[in-house]
């Protein structure tokens, strides 16, 4: 590690649309969005395992276990 970067952290910030709104809704209410069929609900439950909603902001757990 370079001396000037000892306390630096790498991260990415992105703007998303679409189903990420559904993920935030599910994480905050624990209710699937209206209109979801059984298969979509199952997929949503599996998909949200890698996400956390903190004060209505969505964070994704990376493969290196860093939020």
Protein backbone atom coordinates (compact mmCIF):
# COMPACT_ATOMS: atom_id res chain seq x y z
CA UNK A 1 0.00 0.00 0.00
CA UNK A 2 1.27 3.46 -0.79
CA UNK A 3 2.05 5.64 2.19
CA UNK A 4 -0.47 8.35 1.21
CA UNK A 5 -3.34 5.86 0.87
CA UNK A 6 -3.23 4.11 4.23
CA UNK A 7 -6.73 5.18 5.25
CA UNK A 8 -8.28 5.48 1.79
CA UNK A 9 -11.29 3.34 0.91
CA UNK A 10 -12.53 2.48 -2.54
CA UNK A 11 -16.23 2.65 -3.25
CA UNK A 12 -18.65 3.28 -6.06
CA UNK A 13 -21.83 5.32 -6.03
CA UNK A 14 -24.48 4.75 -8.64
CA UNK A 15 -27.98 5.84 -9.53
CA UNK A 16 -30.40 3.03 -10.24
CA UNK A 17 -33.92 2.65 -11.51
CA UNK A 18 -36.54 -0.02 -11.82
CA UNK A 19 -36.58 -3.04 -9.56
CA UNK A 20 -34.24 -1.42 -7.01
CA UNK A 21 -37.23 0.61 -5.85
CA UNK A 22 -38.99 -2.70 -5.22
CA UNK A 23 -35.99 -3.93 -3.21
CA UNK A 24 -36.03 -0.80 -1.02
CA UNK A 25 -39.78 -1.16 -0.55
CA UNK A 26 -39.42 -4.81 0.47
CA UNK A 27 -36.50 -4.16 2.85
CA UNK A 28 -38.33 -1.35 4.62
CA UNK A 29 -41.83 -2.87 4.76
CA UNK A 30 -41.22 -6.64 4.38
CA UNK A 31 -44.10 -6.65 1.89
CA UNK A 32 -43.68 -7.47 -1.81
CA UNK A 33 -44.92 -4.80 -4.21
CA UNK A 34 -48.48 -5.16 -5.49
CA UNK A 35 -48.81 -7.18 -8.64
CA UNK A 36 -45.96 -9.60 -7.88
CA UNK A 37 -46.81 -13.25 -8.50
CA UNK A 38 -45.52 -16.09 -6.30
CA UNK A 39 -42.41 -16.68 -8.43
CA UNK A 40 -41.50 -12.97 -8.45
CA UNK A 41 -41.88 -12.83 -4.65
CA UNK A 42 -39.54 -15.81 -4.24
CA UNK A 43 -36.96 -14.21 -6.54
CA UNK A 44 -37.23 -10.92 -4.65
CA UNK A 45 -36.59 -12.60 -1.30
CA UNK A 46 -33.49 -14.32 -2.66
CA UNK A 47 -32.25 -11.18 -4.42
CA UNK A 48 -32.53 -8.84 -1.40
CA UNK A 49 -30.14 -10.95 0.70
CA UNK A 50 -27.17 -8.97 -0.65
CA UNK A 51 -28.77 -5.57 0.01
CA UNK A 52 -29.30 -3.33 3.02
CA UNK A 53 -31.55 -0.28 3.21
CA UNK A 54 -30.21 2.34 5.59
CA UNK A 55 -32.29 5.53 5.87
CA UNK A 56 -33.93 4.77 2.52
CA UNK A 57 -30.56 4.40 0.76
CA UNK A 58 -29.77 1.07 -0.84
CA UNK A 59 -26.39 -0.58 -0.24
CA UNK A 60 -25.09 -3.78 -1.82
CA UNK A 61 -22.83 -6.27 -0.06
CA UNK A 62 -19.86 -6.92 -2.29
CA UNK A 63 -18.18 -10.25 -2.92
CA UNK A 64 -15.45 -9.18 -0.49
CA UNK A 65 -18.09 -8.78 2.26
CA UNK A 66 -17.77 -4.97 2.25
CA UNK A 67 -21.03 -3.02 2.27
